[in-house]
Amino acid sequence: MRASWSLWGWPLAIAILSGAGLVGGLLGDGGWDWLTWVGLGMPCVVAIWFGLRGRSSR
């Protein structure tokens, strides 16, 4: 079980964060906008970071 959590922990956290961002975008304004920006921006930041990291190691 521990090996499974170490493999799927971060992808699950990103999925929950982006899901919360999508729900926040549908529900309202104000604080929900911040949740949307963070929730939908974080997967993009992580993808760009890993993309640049992988490209520089070649």
PDB file of N, CA and C in Angstrom:
ATOM      1  N   MET A   1       0.822  -1.195   0.000  1.00  0.00           N
ATOM      2  CA  MET A   1       0.000   0.000   0.000  1.00  0.00           C
ATOM      3  C   MET A   1       0.863   1.256   0.000  1.00  0.00           C
ATOM      4  N   ARG A   2       1.978   1.223   0.716  1.00  0.00           N
ATOM      5  CA  ARG A   2       2.849   2.393   0.784  1.00  0.00           C
ATOM      6  C   ARG A   2       3.476   2.705  -0.573  1.00  0.00           C
ATOM      7  N   ALA A   3       3.878   1.677  -1.318  1.00  0.00           N
ATOM      8  CA  ALA A   3       4.462   1.896  -2.643  1.00  0.00           C
ATOM      9  C   ALA A   3       3.430   2.503  -3.587  1.00  0.00           C
ATOM     10  N   SER A   4       2.198   2.076  -3.449  1.00  0.00           N
ATOM     11  CA  SER A   4       1.130   2.623  -4.281  1.00  0.00           C
ATOM     12  C   SER A   4       0.903   4.094  -3.973  1.00  0.00           C
ATOM     13  N   TRP A   5       0.919   4.463  -2.698  1.00  0.00           N
ATOM     14  CA  TRP A   5       0.709   5.864  -2.323  1.00  0.00           C
ATOM     15  C   TRP A   5       1.867   6.729  -2.793  1.00  0.00           C
ATOM     16  N   SER A   6       3.093   6.213  -2.723  1.00  0.00           N
ATOM     17  CA  SER A   6       4.235   7.006  -3.173  1.00  0.00           C
ATOM     18  C   SER A   6       4.208   7.206  -4.681  1.00  0.00           C
ATOM     19  N   LEU A   7       3.604   6.283  -5.414  1.00  0.00           N
ATOM     20  CA  LEU A   7       3.492   6.417  -6.863  1.00  0.00           C
ATOM     21  C   LEU A   7       2.359   7.355  -7.254  1.00  0.00           C
ATOM     22  N   TRP A   8       1.203   7.243  -6.593  1.00  0.00           N
ATOM     23  CA  TRP A   8       0.004   7.974  -6.999  1.00  0.00           C
ATOM     24  C   TRP A   8      -0.322   9.177  -6.133  1.00  0.00           C
ATOM     25  N   GLY A   9       0.498   9.478  -5.140  1.00  0.00           N
ATOM     26  CA  GLY A   9       0.200  10.581  -4.225  1.00  0.00           C
ATOM     27  C   GLY A   9       0.161  11.941  -4.896  1.00  0.00           C
ATOM     28  N   TRP A  10       1.228  12.301  -5.610  1.00  0.00           N
ATOM     29  CA  TRP A  10       1.271  13.616  -6.258  1.00  0.00           C
ATOM     30  C   TRP A  10       0.268  13.751  -7.398  1.00  0.00           C
ATOM     31  N   PRO A  11       0.120  12.753  -8.272  1.00  0.00           N
ATOM     32  CA  PRO A  11      -0.920  12.886  -9.297  1.00  0.00           C
ATOM     33  C   PRO A  11      -2.323  13.021  -8.707  1.00  0.00           C
ATOM     34  N   LEU A  12      -2.575  12.336  -7.606  1.00  0.00           N
ATOM     35  CA  LEU A  12      -3.878  12.455  -6.954  1.00  0.00           C
ATOM     36  C   LEU A  12      -4.059  13.847  -6.351  1.00  0.00           C
ATOM     37  N   ALA A  13      -3.015  14.384  -5.748  1.00  0.00           N
ATOM     38  CA  ALA A  13      -3.092  15.737  -5.188  1.00  0.00           C
ATOM     39  C   ALA A  13      -3.327  16.775  -6.282  1.00  0.00           C
ATOM     40  N   ILE A  14      -2.666  16.627  -7.427  1.00  0.00           N
ATOM     41  CA  ILE A  14      -2.871  17.555  -8.540  1.00  0.00           C
ATOM     42  C   ILE A  14      -4.281  17.421  -9.093  1.00  0.00           C
ATOM     43  N   ALA A  15      -4.799  16.199  -9.175  1.00  0.00           N
ATOM     44  CA  ALA A  15      -6.159  15.991  -9.665  1.00  0.00           C
ATOM     45  C   ALA A  15      -7.188  16.623  -8.727  1.00  0.00           C
ATOM     46  N   ILE A  16      -6.999  16.485  -7.432  1.00  0.00           N
ATOM     47  CA  ILE A  16      -7.921  17.082  -6.464  1.00  0.00           C
ATOM     48  C   ILE A  16      -7.855  18.605  -6.535  1.00  0.00           C
ATOM     49  N   LEU A  17      -6.656  19.146  -6.663  1.00  0.00           N
ATOM     50  CA  LEU A  17      -6.488  20.593  -6.754  1.00  0.00           C
ATOM     51  C   LEU A  17      -7.119  21.150  -8.024  1.00  0.00           C
ATOM     52  N   SER A  18      -6.933  20.488  -9.151  1.00  0.00           N
ATOM     53  CA  SER A  18      -7.539  20.981 -10.383  1.00  0.00           C
ATOM     54  C   SER A  18      -9.048  20.791 -10.366  1.00  0.00           C
ATOM     55  N   GLY A  19      -9.531  19.730  -9.746  1.00  0.00           N
ATOM     56  CA  GLY A  19     -10.979  19.558  -9.593  1.00  0.00           C
ATOM     57  C   GLY A  19     -11.581  20.649  -8.727  1.00  0.00           C
ATOM     58  N   ALA A  20     -10.894  21.004  -7.658  1.00  0.00           N
ATOM     59  CA  ALA A  20     -11.362  22.101  -6.811  1.00  0.00           C
ATOM     60  C   ALA A  20     -11.350  23.414  -7.577  1.00  0.00           C
ATOM     61  N   GLY A  21     -10.359  23.602  -8.443  1.00  0.00           N
ATOM     62  CA  GLY A  21     -10.312  24.799  -9.272  1.00  0.00           C
ATOM     63  C   GLY A  21     -11.473  24.864 -10.250  1.00  0.00           C
ATOM     64  N   LEU A  22     -11.830  23.740 -10.828  1.00  0.00           N
ATOM     65  CA  LEU A  22     -12.968  23.703 -11.745  1.00  0.00           C
ATOM     66  C   LEU A  22     -14.273  23.994 -11.020  1.00  0.00           C
ATOM     67  N   VAL A  23     -14.448  23.404  -9.860  1.00  0.00           N
ATOM     68  CA  VAL A  23     -15.659  23.658  -9.075  1.00  0.00           C
ATOM     69  C   VAL A  23     -15.706  25.113  -8.628  1.00  0.00           C
ATOM     70  N   GLY A  24     -14.574  25.650  -8.223  1.00  0.00           N
ATOM     71  CA  GLY A  24     -14.514  27.049  -7.816  1.00  0.00           C
ATOM     72  C   GLY A  24     -14.874  27.994  -8.948  1.00  0.00           C
ATOM     73  N   GLY A  25     -14.462  27.647 -10.163  1.00  0.00           N
ATOM     74  CA  GLY A  25     -14.802  28.463 -11.312  1.00  0.00           C
ATOM     75  C   GLY A  25     -16.289  28.449 -11.625  1.00  0.00           C
ATOM     76  N   LEU A  26     -16.936  27.370 -11.301  1.00  0.00           N
ATOM     77  CA  LEU A  26     -18.370  27.267 -11.560  1.00  0.00           C
ATOM     78  C   LEU A  26     -19.220  27.904 -10.467  1.00  0.00           C
ATOM     79  N   LEU A  27     -18.701  27.965  -9.243  1.00  0.00           N
ATOM     80  CA  LEU A  27     -19.540  28.378  -8.117  1.00  0.00           C
ATOM     81  C   LEU A  27     -19.665  29.879  -7.914  1.00  0.00           C
ATOM     82  N   GLY A  28     -18.630  30.630  -8.139  1.00  0.00           N
ATOM     83  CA  GLY A  28     -18.823  32.032  -7.825  1.00  0.00           C
ATOM     84  C   GLY A  28     -17.619  32.910  -8.050  1.00  0.00           C
ATOM     85  N   ASP A  29     -17.688  34.094  -7.442  1.00  0.00           N
ATOM     86  CA  ASP A  29     -16.660  35.112  -7.586  1.00  0.00           C
ATOM     87  C   ASP A  29     -15.966  35.359  -6.253  1.00  0.00           C
ATOM     88  N   GLY A  30     -15.044  36.307  -6.257  1.00  0.00           N
ATOM     89  CA  GLY A  30     -14.340  36.653  -5.027  1.00  0.00           C
ATOM     90  C   GLY A  30     -13.268  35.647  -4.706  1.00  0.00           C
ATOM     91  N   GLY A  31     -13.393  35.010  -3.552  1.00  0.00           N
ATOM     92  CA  GLY A  31     -12.428  34.004  -3.115  1.00  0.00           C
ATOM     93  C   GLY A  31     -12.407  32.786  -4.016  1.00  0.00           C
ATOM     94  N   TRP A  32     -13.513  32.510  -4.634  1.00  0.00           N
ATOM     95  CA  TRP A  32     -13.567  31.375  -5.553  1.00  0.00           C
ATOM     96  C   TRP A  32     -12.667  31.591  -6.765  1.00  0.00           C
ATOM     97  N   ASP A  33     -12.505  32.852  -7.160  1.00  0.00           N
ATOM     98  CA  ASP A  33     -11.606  33.148  -8.279  1.00  0.00           C
ATOM     99  C   ASP A  33     -10.170  32.769  -7.946  1.00  0.00           C
ATOM    100  N   TRP A  34      -9.760  33.044  -6.718  1.00  0.00           N
ATOM    101  CA  TRP A  34      -8.408  32.674  -6.306  1.00  0.00           C
ATOM    102  C   TRP A  34      -8.219  31.169  -6.308  1.00  0.00           C
ATOM    103  N   LEU A  35      -9.236  30.456  -5.827  1.00  0.00           N
ATOM    104  CA  LEU A  35      -9.171  28.993  -5.839  1.00  0.00           C
ATOM    105  C   LEU A  35      -9.062  28.485  -7.267  1.00  0.00           C
ATOM    106  N   THR A  36      -9.789  29.112  -8.172  1.00  0.00           N
ATOM    107  CA  THR A  36      -9.751  28.705  -9.576  1.00  0.00           C
ATOM    108  C   THR A  36      -8.365  28.940 -10.176  1.00  0.00           C
ATOM    109  N   TRP A  37      -7.789  30.119  -9.931  1.00  0.00           N
ATOM    110  CA  TRP A  37      -6.471  30.421 -10.468  1.00  0.00           C
ATOM    111  C   TRP A  37      -5.411  29.452  -9.943  1.00  0.00           C
ATOM    112  N   VAL A  38      -5.444  29.190  -8.659  1.00  0.00           N
ATOM    113  CA  VAL A  38      -4.454  28.271  -8.071  1.00  0.00           C
ATOM    114  C   VAL A  38      -4.711  26.846  -8.538  1.00  0.00           C
ATOM    115  N   GLY A  39      -5.973  26.442  -8.499  1.00  0.00           N
ATOM    116  CA  GLY A  39      -6.315  25.064  -8.850  1.00  0.00           C
ATOM    117  C   GLY A  39      -6.027  24.711 -10.290  1.00  0.00           C
ATOM    118  N   LEU A  40      -6.250  25.641 -11.204  1.00  0.00           N
ATOM    119  CA  LEU A  40      -6.004  25.356 -12.612  1.00  0.00           C
ATOM    120  C   LEU A  40      -4.614  25.787 -13.068  1.00  0.00           C
ATOM    121  N   GLY A  41      -3.967  26.652 -12.303  1.00  0.00           N
ATOM    122  CA  GLY A  41      -2.627  27.085 -12.668  1.00  0.00           C
ATOM    123  C   GLY A  41      -1.538  26.145 -12.189  1.00  0.00           C
ATOM    124  N   MET A  42      -1.757  25.498 -11.058  1.00  0.00           N
ATOM    125  CA  MET A  42      -0.733  24.627 -10.485  1.00  0.00           C
ATOM    126  C   MET A  42      -0.375  23.442 -11.405  1.00  0.00           C
ATOM    127  N   PRO A  43      -1.328  22.750 -12.020  1.00  0.00           N
ATOM    128  CA  PRO A  43      -0.926  21.674 -12.939  1.00  0.00           C
ATOM    129  C   PRO A  43      -0.105  22.192 -14.123  1.00  0.00           C
ATOM    130  N   CYS A  44      -0.402  23.393 -14.587  1.00  0.00           N
ATOM    131  CA  CYS A  44       0.383  23.984 -15.678  1.00  0.00           C
ATOM    132  C   CYS A  44       1.804  24.278 -15.220  1.00  0.00           C
ATOM    133  N   VAL A  45       1.943  24.827 -14.031  1.00  0.00           N
ATOM    134  CA  VAL A  45       3.268  25.130 -13.495  1.00  0.00           C
ATOM    135  C   VAL A  45       4.080  23.852 -13.311  1.00  0.00           C
ATOM    136  N   VAL A  46       3.455  22.817 -12.787  1.00  0.00           N
ATOM    137  CA  VAL A  46       4.149  21.544 -12.575  1.00  0.00           C
ATOM    138  C   VAL A  46       4.567  20.938 -13.914  1.00  0.00           C
ATOM    139  N   ALA A  47       3.695  20.988 -14.912  1.00  0.00           N
ATOM    140  CA  ALA A  47       4.019  20.432 -16.229  1.00  0.00           C
ATOM    141  C   ALA A  47       5.167  21.197 -16.880  1.00  0.00           C
ATOM    142  N   ILE A  48       5.148  22.516 -16.790  1.00  0.00           N
ATOM    143  CA  ILE A  48       6.227  23.321 -17.363  1.00  0.00           C
ATOM    144  C   ILE A  48       7.542  23.050 -16.631  1.00  0.00           C
ATOM    145  N   TRP A  49       7.470  22.945 -15.304  1.00  0.00           N
ATOM    146  CA  TRP A  49       8.678  22.706 -14.524  1.00  0.00           C
ATOM    147  C   TRP A  49       9.317  21.366 -14.895  1.00  0.00           C
ATOM    148  N   PHE A  50       8.500  20.313 -14.964  1.00  0.00           N
ATOM    149  CA  PHE A  50       9.046  19.009 -15.323  1.00  0.00           C
ATOM    150  C   PHE A  50       9.482  18.961 -16.783  1.00  0.00           C
ATOM    151  N   GLY A  51       8.791  19.688 -17.642  1.00  0.00           N
ATOM    152  CA  GLY A  51       9.194  19.738 -19.044  1.00  0.00           C
ATOM    153  C   GLY A  51      10.543  20.395 -19.231  1.00  0.00           C
ATOM    154  N   LEU A  52      10.762  21.506 -18.546  1.00  0.00           N
ATOM    155  CA  LEU A  52      12.052  22.185 -18.642  1.00  0.00           C
ATOM    156  C   LEU A  52      13.157  21.393 -17.965  1.00  0.00           C
ATOM    157  N   ARG A  53      12.819  20.737 -16.875  1.00  0.00           N
ATOM    158  CA  ARG A  53      13.809  19.928 -16.158  1.00  0.00           C
ATOM    159  C   ARG A  53      14.261  18.747 -17.000  1.00  0.00           C
ATOM    160  N   GLY A  54      13.322  18.107 -17.680  1.00  0.00           N
ATOM    161  CA  GLY A  54      13.668  16.965 -18.531  1.00  0.00           C
ATOM    162  C   GLY A  54      14.453  17.383 -19.759  1.00  0.00           C
ATOM    163  N   ARG A  55      14.155  18.551 -20.301  1.00  0.00           N
ATOM    164  CA  ARG A  55      14.829  19.028 -21.501  1.00  0.00           C
ATOM    165  C   ARG A  55      16.279  19.417 -21.197  1.00  0.00           C
ATOM    166  N   SER A  56      16.536  19.967 -20.031  1.00  0.00           N
ATOM    167  CA  SER A  56      17.882  20.408 -19.707  1.00  0.00           C
ATOM    168  C   SER A  56      18.824  19.252 -19.376  1.00  0.00           C
ATOM    169  N   SER A  57      18.288  18.085 -19.036  1.00  0.00           N
ATOM    170  CA  SER A  57      19.147  16.964 -18.675  1.00  0.00           C
ATOM    171  C   SER A  57      19.647  16.195 -19.886  1.00  0.00           C
ATOM    172  N   ARG A  58      19.158  16.519 -21.059  1.00  0.00           N
ATOM    173  CA  ARG A  58      19.587  15.793 -22.271  1.00  0.00           C
ATOM    174  C   ARG A  58      20.868  16.318 -22.832  1.00  0.00           C
TER     175      ARG A  58
END
